[in-house]
Amino acid sequence: MPSANYRIESNHAVFNRLLPASSLSRTFEDPSLAVAVAAKSVTQPLGQEIRVIHVPTGEVLFRTASTPAQ
């Protein structure tokens, strides 16, 4: 059974209008799913960095800054 090794994090609150907040605070087994969820998320305040971290190593797998809708 694989362990949950990927976490979405930010220095600011992270929101996703498609998922409940509890989905953003859990760890993910699939790195692709963690990146997809992070890519569709935004921070409050807008435009701050969101990262996907490999928990055992601390390596940043994905990094993006959310952009405000225009």
C-alpha atoms as a PDB file:
ATOM      1  CA  MET A   1       0.000   0.000   0.000  1.00  0.00           C
ATOM      2  CA  PRO A   2       1.584   3.315  -1.062  1.00  0.00           C
ATOM      3  CA  SER A   3       1.837   6.082   1.471  1.00  0.00           C
ATOM      4  CA  ALA A   4       0.592   9.629   1.031  1.00  0.00           C
ATOM      5  CA  ASN A   5       3.777  11.473   0.106  1.00  0.00           C
ATOM      6  CA  TYR A   6       2.737  14.804  -1.422  1.00  0.00           C
ATOM      7  CA  ARG A   7       1.379  17.911   0.296  1.00  0.00           C
ATOM      8  CA  ILE A   8       0.044  21.230  -1.045  1.00  0.00           C
ATOM      9  CA  GLU A   9       1.337  24.181   0.949  1.00  0.00           C
ATOM     10  CA  SER A  10       1.595  27.959   0.906  1.00  0.00           C
ATOM     11  CA  ASN A  11       2.498  30.750   3.306  1.00  0.00           C
ATOM     12  CA  HIS A  12      -1.075  32.003   2.810  1.00  0.00           C
ATOM     13  CA  ALA A  13      -4.539  30.464   2.906  1.00  0.00           C
ATOM     14  CA  VAL A  14      -5.224  28.235  -0.133  1.00  0.00           C
ATOM     15  CA  PHE A  15      -8.706  27.920  -1.675  1.00  0.00           C
ATOM     16  CA  ASN A  16     -10.178  25.856  -4.476  1.00  0.00           C
ATOM     17  CA  ARG A  17     -13.754  26.499  -5.585  1.00  0.00           C
ATOM     18  CA  LEU A  18     -14.157  22.906  -6.795  1.00  0.00           C
ATOM     19  CA  LEU A  19     -13.011  21.140  -3.609  1.00  0.00           C
ATOM     20  CA  PRO A  20     -13.697  21.464   0.114  1.00  0.00           C
ATOM     21  CA  ALA A  21     -10.938  22.938   2.277  1.00  0.00           C
ATOM     22  CA  SER A  22     -10.288  19.532   3.861  1.00  0.00           C
ATOM     23  CA  SER A  23      -9.104  18.233   0.470  1.00  0.00           C
ATOM     24  CA  LEU A  24      -6.395  20.886   0.351  1.00  0.00           C
ATOM     25  CA  SER A  25      -5.035  20.133   3.804  1.00  0.00           C
ATOM     26  CA  ARG A  26      -4.617  16.365   3.299  1.00  0.00           C
ATOM     27  CA  THR A  27      -1.661  14.575   1.730  1.00  0.00           C
ATOM     28  CA  PHE A  28      -1.857  12.895  -1.678  1.00  0.00           C
ATOM     29  CA  GLU A  29      -0.552   9.540  -2.873  1.00  0.00           C
ATOM     30  CA  ASP A  30      -0.507  10.586  -6.533  1.00  0.00           C
ATOM     31  CA  PRO A  31       1.848  13.461  -7.424  1.00  0.00           C
ATOM     32  CA  SER A  32      -0.147  14.214 -10.589  1.00  0.00           C
ATOM     33  CA  LEU A  33      -3.321  14.715  -8.582  1.00  0.00           C
ATOM     34  CA  ALA A  34      -1.537  16.969  -6.076  1.00  0.00           C
ATOM     35  CA  VAL A  35      -0.147  19.129  -8.898  1.00  0.00           C
ATOM     36  CA  ALA A  36      -3.529  19.318 -10.662  1.00  0.00           C
ATOM     37  CA  VAL A  37      -5.283  20.411  -7.463  1.00  0.00           C
ATOM     38  CA  ALA A  38      -2.557  22.967  -6.676  1.00  0.00           C
ATOM     39  CA  ALA A  39      -2.709  24.375 -10.224  1.00  0.00           C
ATOM     40  CA  LYS A  40      -6.467  24.972  -9.881  1.00  0.00           C
ATOM     41  CA  SER A  41      -6.141  26.631  -6.462  1.00  0.00           C
ATOM     42  CA  VAL A  42      -5.673  30.263  -5.442  1.00  0.00           C
ATOM     43  CA  THR A  43      -4.389  32.013  -2.343  1.00  0.00           C
ATOM     44  CA  GLN A  44      -5.801  34.745  -0.166  1.00  0.00           C
ATOM     45  CA  PRO A  45      -4.415  37.337  -0.846  1.00  0.00           C
ATOM     46  CA  LEU A  46      -4.364  36.514  -4.549  1.00  0.00           C
ATOM     47  CA  GLY A  47      -1.115  35.942  -6.408  1.00  0.00           C
ATOM     48  CA  GLN A  48       0.888  34.198  -3.674  1.00  0.00           C
ATOM     49  CA  GLU A  49       2.943  31.045  -4.200  1.00  0.00           C
ATOM     50  CA  ILE A  50       1.460  27.539  -3.940  1.00  0.00           C
ATOM     51  CA  ARG A  51       3.804  24.528  -3.759  1.00  0.00           C
ATOM     52  CA  VAL A  52       3.539  20.742  -3.955  1.00  0.00           C
ATOM     53  CA  ILE A  53       6.103  19.171  -1.630  1.00  0.00           C
ATOM     54  CA  HIS A  54       7.406  15.599  -1.561  1.00  0.00           C
ATOM     55  CA  VAL A  55       7.025  15.039   2.199  1.00  0.00           C
ATOM     56  CA  PRO A  56       9.876  12.542   2.850  1.00  0.00           C
ATOM     57  CA  THR A  57      12.543  14.673   1.106  1.00  0.00           C
ATOM     58  CA  GLY A  58      11.122  18.200   1.276  1.00  0.00           C
ATOM     59  CA  GLU A  59      11.704  18.569  -2.473  1.00  0.00           C
ATOM     60  CA  VAL A  60       9.446  21.066  -4.255  1.00  0.00           C
ATOM     61  CA  LEU A  61       7.743  19.149  -7.051  1.00  0.00           C
ATOM     62  CA  PHE A  62       5.616  22.032  -8.367  1.00  0.00           C
ATOM     63  CA  ARG A  63       5.495  25.762  -7.673  1.00  0.00           C
ATOM     64  CA  THR A  64       3.167  28.422  -9.000  1.00  0.00           C
ATOM     65  CA  ALA A  65       1.763  31.800  -8.081  1.00  0.00           C
ATOM     66  CA  SER A  66      -1.989  32.147  -8.506  1.00  0.00           C
ATOM     67  CA  THR A  67      -3.092  34.979 -10.732  1.00  0.00           C
ATOM     68  CA  PRO A  68      -6.143  37.167 -10.149  1.00  0.00           C
ATOM     69  CA  ALA A  69      -9.021  36.698 -12.604  1.00  0.00           C
ATOM     70  CA  GLN A  70      -9.401  39.591 -15.005  1.00  0.00           C
END
